[in-house]
Amino acid sequence: MTMTNVTDKKSFSEKVLNGTGLQVVKFYADWSGPCQMMVPIYKELAQMYNGSAAFYRVDIEESPQLKKELGVMEMPTILFYVNGVVVDFVSGLASRNALIAKLENVLNNKRSSN
């Protein structure tokens, strides 16, 4: 599995909140320039970290209620969940290296707490 679309609260709860390990969730909009710029980076990271993290995408146009409930304001926003709890986030355009640093930090903290 490289990347899965999440379209509603039920699937978000099942996949992300009830998931084990690291869950990476990108909130995006097709009309957002920064979101479009991050598409290849996010896809690459999903492949690089396949087996270490599960990657999800939430289109805010299809899931406005989820965006509202989670307080997502800026596009794109990436939330990092460990065992159903948000442990870090990135809002706005981020570089590949910045996202790798976040992922490594979250994974290292997850490993040290086990």
Protein backbone atom coordinates (compact mmCIF):
# COMPACT_ATOMS: atom_id res chain seq x y z
CA MET A 1 0.00 0.00 0.00
CA THR A 2 1.42 3.37 -0.91
CA MET A 3 -1.42 5.86 -0.51
CA THR A 4 -5.15 5.64 0.29
CA ASN A 5 -7.88 8.23 -0.15
CA VAL A 6 -10.05 8.91 2.89
CA THR A 7 -13.41 10.42 2.05
CA ASP A 8 -15.47 10.48 5.24
CA LYS A 9 -15.35 10.45 9.02
CA LYS A 10 -16.07 6.71 9.25
CA SER A 11 -13.16 5.69 7.03
CA PHE A 12 -10.92 8.26 8.76
CA SER A 13 -11.73 6.70 12.15
CA GLU A 14 -11.26 3.14 10.88
CA LYS A 15 -8.01 3.76 9.05
CA VAL A 16 -6.29 6.58 10.92
CA LEU A 17 -7.66 6.89 14.44
CA ASN A 18 -7.86 3.12 14.94
CA GLY A 19 -4.66 2.45 13.01
CA THR A 20 -1.51 1.23 14.67
CA GLY A 21 1.89 2.74 14.08
CA LEU A 22 2.52 5.88 12.06
CA GLN A 23 -0.32 7.25 9.93
CA VAL A 24 0.48 10.24 7.69
CA VAL A 25 -2.55 12.21 6.48
CA LYS A 26 -2.38 14.95 3.85
CA PHE A 27 -5.30 17.36 3.56
CA TYR A 28 -5.31 18.93 0.12
CA ALA A 29 -7.34 20.74 -2.53
CA ASP A 30 -6.91 20.31 -6.27
CA TRP A 31 -7.16 24.09 -6.78
CA SER A 32 -4.24 24.79 -4.42
CA GLY A 33 -0.89 25.49 -6.09
CA PRO A 34 1.17 24.39 -3.05
CA CYS A 35 -0.84 21.15 -2.88
CA GLN A 36 -0.11 20.42 -6.52
CA MET A 37 3.59 21.14 -5.97
CA MET A 38 3.70 18.58 -3.14
CA VAL A 39 1.99 15.73 -5.04
CA PRO A 40 5.22 14.15 -6.37
CA ILE A 41 6.98 14.60 -3.00
CA TYR A 42 4.14 12.95 -1.06
CA LYS A 43 3.97 10.06 -3.54
CA GLU A 44 7.72 9.53 -3.28
CA LEU A 45 7.62 9.54 0.53
CA ALA A 46 4.72 7.07 0.53
CA GLN A 47 6.89 4.70 -1.51
CA MET A 48 10.05 5.36 0.52
CA TYR A 49 8.32 4.71 3.84
CA ASN A 50 6.09 1.86 2.67
CA GLY A 51 6.07 -0.61 5.55
CA SER A 52 7.05 2.03 8.14
CA ALA A 53 4.03 4.30 7.77
CA ALA A 54 0.59 4.35 6.18
CA PHE A 55 -0.11 7.35 3.93
CA TYR A 56 -3.56 8.84 3.39
CA ARG A 57 -5.03 11.74 1.42
CA VAL A 58 -8.13 13.77 2.27
CA ASP A 59 -9.61 16.05 -0.42
CA ILE A 60 -11.16 18.93 1.52
CA GLU A 61 -13.70 19.52 -1.25
CA GLU A 62 -15.01 15.96 -0.78
CA SER A 63 -14.64 15.99 3.03
CA PRO A 64 -15.28 19.55 4.30
CA GLN A 65 -16.67 18.27 7.62
CA LEU A 66 -13.48 16.33 8.37
CA LYS A 67 -11.39 19.42 7.61
CA LYS A 68 -13.56 21.49 9.95
CA GLU A 69 -13.60 18.95 12.79
CA LEU A 70 -9.81 18.59 12.74
CA GLY A 71 -9.22 22.36 12.51
CA VAL A 72 -7.31 22.19 9.24
CA MET A 73 -6.94 25.76 7.96
CA GLU A 74 -4.08 25.82 5.46
CA MET A 75 -3.53 23.77 2.33
CA PRO A 76 -1.77 21.47 2.31
CA THR A 77 -1.70 20.27 5.90
CA ILE A 78 -0.04 17.00 6.84
CA LEU A 79 -0.88 15.41 10.18
CA PHE A 80 1.30 12.69 11.69
CA TYR A 81 -0.60 10.23 13.89
CA VAL A 82 0.91 7.52 16.07
CA ASN A 83 -1.62 5.00 17.35
CA GLY A 84 -4.49 7.42 16.68
CA VAL A 85 -2.95 10.51 18.30
CA VAL A 86 -1.58 13.54 16.43
CA VAL A 87 2.11 13.86 17.29
CA ASP A 88 3.24 16.43 14.69
CA PHE A 89 2.05 18.39 11.68
CA VAL A 90 3.16 20.51 8.73
CA SER A 91 1.04 23.33 7.30
CA GLY A 92 1.71 24.87 3.91
CA LEU A 93 4.34 24.07 1.34
CA ALA A 94 7.20 21.97 2.72
CA SER A 95 10.34 20.65 1.08
CA ARG A 96 11.10 16.97 0.60
CA ASN A 97 13.95 17.22 3.12
CA ALA A 98 11.75 18.93 5.72
CA LEU A 99 9.16 16.16 5.42
CA ILE A 100 11.79 13.44 5.62
CA ALA A 101 13.15 15.08 8.80
CA LYS A 102 9.63 15.12 10.31
CA LEU A 103 9.03 11.49 9.37
CA GLU A 104 12.37 10.35 10.76
CA ASN A 105 11.80 12.29 13.98
CA VAL A 106 8.34 10.78 14.49
CA LEU A 107 9.58 7.27 13.65
CA ASN A 108 12.58 7.60 15.99
CA ASN A 109 10.37 8.86 18.84
CA LYS A 110 7.92 6.02 18.19
CA ARG A 111 10.73 3.45 18.31
CA SER A 112 12.21 4.85 21.53
CA SER A 113 8.83 4.80 23.29
CA ASN A 114 8.23 1.11 22.47
